[in-house]
C-alpha atoms as a PDB file:
ATOM      1  CA  MET A   1      33.177 -64.852 -14.625  1.00  0.00           C
ATOM      2  CA  SER A   2      31.557 -61.536 -13.594  1.00  0.00           C
ATOM      3  CA  GLN A   3      28.898 -59.924 -15.656  1.00  0.00           C
ATOM      4  CA  LEU A   4      29.561 -56.547 -17.162  1.00  0.00           C
ATOM      5  CA  PRO A   5      26.771 -53.997 -17.052  1.00  0.00           C
ATOM      6  CA  SER A   6      25.020 -53.662 -20.341  1.00  0.00           C
ATOM      7  CA  ALA A   7      26.368 -50.770 -22.295  1.00  0.00           C
ATOM      8  CA  ARG A   8      23.856 -48.147 -23.295  1.00  0.00           C
ATOM      9  CA  PRO A   9      24.443 -46.134 -26.373  1.00  0.00           C
ATOM     10  CA  PRO A  10      25.234 -42.498 -25.511  1.00  0.00           C
ATOM     11  CA  ARG A  11      22.403 -40.003 -25.901  1.00  0.00           C
ATOM     12  CA  PRO A  12      22.902 -37.496 -28.652  1.00  0.00           C
ATOM     13  CA  ALA A  13      23.474 -33.973 -27.368  1.00  0.00           C
ATOM     14  CA  LYS A  14      20.685 -31.541 -28.105  1.00  0.00           C
ATOM     15  CA  SER A  15      21.783 -28.564 -30.056  1.00  0.00           C
ATOM     16  CA  PRO A  16      20.082 -25.198 -29.558  1.00  0.00           C
ATOM     17  CA  ALA A  17      19.021 -25.231 -33.194  1.00  0.00           C
ATOM     18  CA  ALA A  18      17.308 -28.586 -32.765  1.00  0.00           C
ATOM     19  CA  ALA A  19      15.244 -27.366 -29.824  1.00  0.00           C
ATOM     20  CA  ARG A  20      11.512 -26.960 -30.259  1.00  0.00           C
ATOM     21  CA  PRO A  21      10.573 -23.633 -31.767  1.00  0.00           C
ATOM     22  CA  ARG A  22       9.133 -21.300 -29.166  1.00  0.00           C
ATOM     23  CA  LYS A  23       5.909 -19.439 -29.538  1.00  0.00           C
ATOM     24  CA  PRO A  24       6.350 -15.697 -29.825  1.00  0.00           C
ATOM     25  CA  ALA A  25       5.777 -13.933 -26.532  1.00  0.00           C
ATOM     26  CA  SER A  26       2.369 -12.352 -26.278  1.00  0.00           C
ATOM     27  CA  PRO A  27       2.320  -8.716 -25.226  1.00  0.00           C
ATOM     28  CA  ARG A  28       1.673  -8.200 -21.533  1.00  0.00           C
ATOM     29  CA  LYS A  29      -1.376  -6.275 -20.521  1.00  0.00           C
ATOM     30  CA  THR A  30      -0.623  -3.210 -18.479  1.00  0.00           C
ATOM     31  CA  VAL A  31      -3.298  -1.810 -16.217  1.00  0.00           C
ATOM     32  CA  ALA A  32      -2.854   1.905 -15.904  1.00  0.00           C
ATOM     33  CA  PRO A  33      -4.218   3.776 -12.933  1.00  0.00           C
ATOM     34  CA  THR A  34      -7.094   6.089 -13.680  1.00  0.00           C
ATOM     35  CA  SER A  35      -4.999   9.180 -13.046  1.00  0.00           C
ATOM     36  CA  LEU A  36      -1.611   9.611 -11.491  1.00  0.00           C
ATOM     37  CA  SER A  37      -1.967  13.352 -10.988  1.00  0.00           C
ATOM     38  CA  ALA A  38      -5.374  13.824  -9.339  1.00  0.00           C
ATOM     39  CA  PRO A  39      -5.544  12.745  -5.701  1.00  0.00           C
ATOM     40  CA  LEU A  40      -7.452   9.545  -5.088  1.00  0.00           C
ATOM     41  CA  ALA A  41     -10.055   9.887  -2.330  1.00  0.00           C
ATOM     42  CA  VAL A  42     -10.260   7.163   0.314  1.00  0.00           C
ATOM     43  CA  SER A  43     -13.169   7.329   2.753  1.00  0.00           C
ATOM     44  CA  LEU A  44     -12.882   5.419   6.011  1.00  0.00           C
ATOM     45  CA  ALA A  45     -15.956   4.893   8.154  1.00  0.00           C
ATOM     46  CA  GLY A  46     -17.507   2.487  10.629  1.00  0.00           C
ATOM     47  CA  ASP A  47     -15.349   0.327  12.873  1.00  0.00           C
ATOM     48  CA  LEU A  48     -11.724   1.435  12.481  1.00  0.00           C
ATOM     49  CA  THR A  49     -10.390  -0.422  15.496  1.00  0.00           C
ATOM     50  CA  ILE A  50      -8.001  -3.322  15.854  1.00  0.00           C
ATOM     51  CA  GLN A  51     -10.835  -5.801  15.279  1.00  0.00           C
ATOM     52  CA  ALA A  52     -11.666  -4.452  11.814  1.00  0.00           C
ATOM     53  CA  ILE A  53      -8.679  -2.423  10.578  1.00  0.00           C
ATOM     54  CA  THR A  54      -7.807  -4.856   7.769  1.00  0.00           C
ATOM     55  CA  GLY A  55     -10.424  -3.291   5.489  1.00  0.00           C
ATOM     56  CA  ALA A  56      -8.921   0.185   5.901  1.00  0.00           C
ATOM     57  CA  HIS A  57      -5.445  -1.250   5.350  1.00  0.00           C
ATOM     58  CA  ALA A  58      -6.560  -2.882   2.105  1.00  0.00           C
ATOM     59  CA  GLN A  59      -8.150   0.362   0.891  1.00  0.00           C
ATOM     60  CA  LEU A  60      -4.925   2.290   1.488  1.00  0.00           C
ATOM     61  CA  ARG A  61      -2.761  -0.335  -0.219  1.00  0.00           C
ATOM     62  CA  GLU A  62      -5.020  -0.267  -3.279  1.00  0.00           C
ATOM     63  CA  ALA A  63      -4.971   3.532  -3.335  1.00  0.00           C
ATOM     64  CA  PHE A  64      -1.165   3.663  -3.147  1.00  0.00           C
ATOM     65  CA  ALA A  65      -0.943   1.183  -6.024  1.00  0.00           C
ATOM     66  CA  ALA A  66      -3.371   3.200  -8.162  1.00  0.00           C
ATOM     67  CA  ALA A  67      -2.351   6.824  -7.604  1.00  0.00           C
ATOM     68  CA  ARG A  68       0.562   9.122  -6.832  1.00  0.00           C
ATOM     69  CA  ALA A  69      -1.599  11.218  -4.479  1.00  0.00           C
ATOM     70  CA  VAL A  70      -4.057   9.964  -1.877  1.00  0.00           C
ATOM     71  CA  ARG A  71      -6.447  11.909   0.353  1.00  0.00           C
ATOM     72  CA  VAL A  72      -8.040  10.119   3.299  1.00  0.00           C
ATOM     73  CA  SER A  73     -11.212  11.168   5.027  1.00  0.00           C
ATOM     74  CA  VAL A  74     -12.308   9.626   8.306  1.00  0.00           C
ATOM     75  CA  ALA A  75     -15.991   9.819   9.173  1.00  0.00           C
ATOM     76  CA  ALA A  76     -16.656  11.887  12.291  1.00  0.00           C
ATOM     77  CA  ASP A  77     -18.832   9.098  13.700  1.00  0.00           C
ATOM     78  CA  ALA A  78     -16.290   6.319  13.041  1.00  0.00           C
ATOM     79  CA  THR A  79     -15.214   4.101  15.923  1.00  0.00           C
ATOM     80  CA  VAL A  80     -11.500   4.797  16.303  1.00  0.00           C
ATOM     81  CA  ASP A  81      -8.651   3.493  18.410  1.00  0.00           C
ATOM     82  CA  LEU A  82      -4.877   3.820  18.205  1.00  0.00           C
ATOM     83  CA  THR A  83      -4.784   1.164  15.483  1.00  0.00           C
ATOM     84  CA  LEU A  84      -6.139   3.646  12.924  1.00  0.00           C
ATOM     85  CA  ILE A  85      -3.599   6.251  13.980  1.00  0.00           C
ATOM     86  CA  GLN A  86      -0.809   3.689  13.614  1.00  0.00           C
ATOM     87  CA  LEU A  87      -2.101   2.718  10.172  1.00  0.00           C
ATOM     88  CA  LEU A  88      -2.264   6.324   8.984  1.00  0.00           C
ATOM     89  CA  GLU A  89       1.178   7.115  10.430  1.00  0.00           C
ATOM     90  CA  SER A  90       2.594   4.072   8.664  1.00  0.00           C
ATOM     91  CA  ALA A  91       0.899   5.126   5.421  1.00  0.00           C
ATOM     92  CA  ARG A  92       2.301   8.642   5.801  1.00  0.00           C
ATOM     93  CA  ARG A  93       5.840   7.339   6.273  1.00  0.00           C
ATOM     94  CA  THR A  94       5.492   4.847   3.425  1.00  0.00           C
ATOM     95  CA  ALA A  95       4.255   7.640   1.158  1.00  0.00           C
ATOM     96  CA  THR A  96       7.166   9.869   2.129  1.00  0.00           C
ATOM     97  CA  ASP A  97       9.681   7.074   1.479  1.00  0.00           C
ATOM     98  CA  SER A  98       8.015   6.266  -1.870  1.00  0.00           C
ATOM     99  CA  GLY A  99       7.623   9.832  -3.086  1.00  0.00           C
ATOM    100  CA  LEU A 100       3.830   9.715  -2.883  1.00  0.00           C
ATOM    101  CA  ASP A 101       1.588  12.588  -1.822  1.00  0.00           C
ATOM    102  CA  PHE A 102      -0.485  11.503   1.181  1.00  0.00           C
ATOM    103  CA  ALA A 103      -2.649  13.667   3.416  1.00  0.00           C
ATOM    104  CA  LEU A 104      -5.930  13.843   5.246  1.00  0.00           C
ATOM    105  CA  ALA A 105      -8.740  15.311   3.150  1.00  0.00           C
ATOM    106  CA  ALA A 106      -9.748  17.512   6.107  1.00  0.00           C
ATOM    107  CA  PRO A 107      -8.354  18.176   9.570  1.00  0.00           C
ATOM    108  CA  ALA A 108      -9.001  15.400  12.084  1.00  0.00           C
ATOM    109  CA  ALA A 109     -12.353  15.699  13.851  1.00  0.00           C
ATOM    110  CA  GLY A 110     -14.694  13.661  16.015  1.00  0.00           C
ATOM    111  CA  ALA A 111     -13.419  10.410  17.493  1.00  0.00           C
ATOM    112  CA  LEU A 112     -10.183  10.615  15.507  1.00  0.00           C
ATOM    113  CA  LEU A 113      -9.310  13.997  17.001  1.00  0.00           C
ATOM    114  CA  GLU A 114     -10.202  12.809  20.504  1.00  0.00           C
ATOM    115  CA  THR A 115      -7.979   9.731  20.123  1.00  0.00           C
ATOM    116  CA  LEU A 116      -5.133  11.829  18.712  1.00  0.00           C
ATOM    117  CA  ASN A 117      -5.305  14.223  21.648  1.00  0.00           C
ATOM    118  CA  ARG A 118      -5.505  11.418  24.231  1.00  0.00           C
ATOM    119  CA  GLY A 119      -2.516   9.692  22.631  1.00  0.00           C
ATOM    120  CA  GLY A 120      -0.408  12.855  22.438  1.00  0.00           C
ATOM    121  CA  PHE A 121      -0.249  12.902  18.633  1.00  0.00           C
ATOM    122  CA  THR A 122      -0.831  16.651  18.271  1.00  0.00           C
ATOM    123  CA  GLN A 123       2.130  17.906  20.298  1.00  0.00           C
ATOM    124  CA  THR A 124       4.652  18.881  17.631  1.00  0.00           C
ATOM    125  CA  ALA A 125       4.345  21.235  14.670  1.00  0.00           C
ATOM    126  CA  GLU A 126       4.910  18.318  12.274  1.00  0.00           C
ATOM    127  CA  GLN A 127       2.108  16.321  13.904  1.00  0.00           C
ATOM    128  CA  ARG A 128      -0.272  19.282  13.832  1.00  0.00           C
ATOM    129  CA  ALA A 129       0.597  19.926  10.179  1.00  0.00           C
ATOM    130  CA  PHE A 130      -0.437  16.408   9.205  1.00  0.00           C
ATOM    131  CA  TRP A 131      -3.363  15.724  11.531  1.00  0.00           C
ATOM    132  CA  LEU A 132      -4.819  19.217  11.865  1.00  0.00           C
ATOM    133  CA  ALA A 133      -3.585  20.903   8.664  1.00  0.00           C
ATOM    134  CA  GLN A 134      -1.886  23.563  10.763  1.00  0.00           C
ATOM    135  CA  SER A 135       1.333  25.191   9.730  1.00  0.00           C
ATOM    136  CA  GLY A 136       3.922  26.950  11.862  1.00  0.00           C
ATOM    137  CA  GLU A 137       4.686  26.630  15.557  1.00  0.00           C
ATOM    138  CA  ALA A 138       1.309  27.907  16.819  1.00  0.00           C
END
């Protein structure tokens, strides 16, 4: 004779009313930026090359998260390569796509201006408007 498996009694179904009472949700803390209207100043200095650009990238990301307007200044004695220009161009496009106000605090100067000129980034009116704060076709 074969053995039948032992029959287990069926588990009672849990009803929603019998579920454990939940704790009331605690209010979430919201961190507000200091000011969404005044431009946030970001100062970049020192080594702004491919070897050390992550610090500048982090500063810009934090600024974009904290403000609707960002102004970047680049120290005249900073060490600059095309990596900084790529970062600032990317930030400019991201700001445009996100509806943020992004600009240089002052026209490019020093090593930044030299690198821009060598790389051909001051050829069009749009480029000159951003990098050199020039308007028109001059």
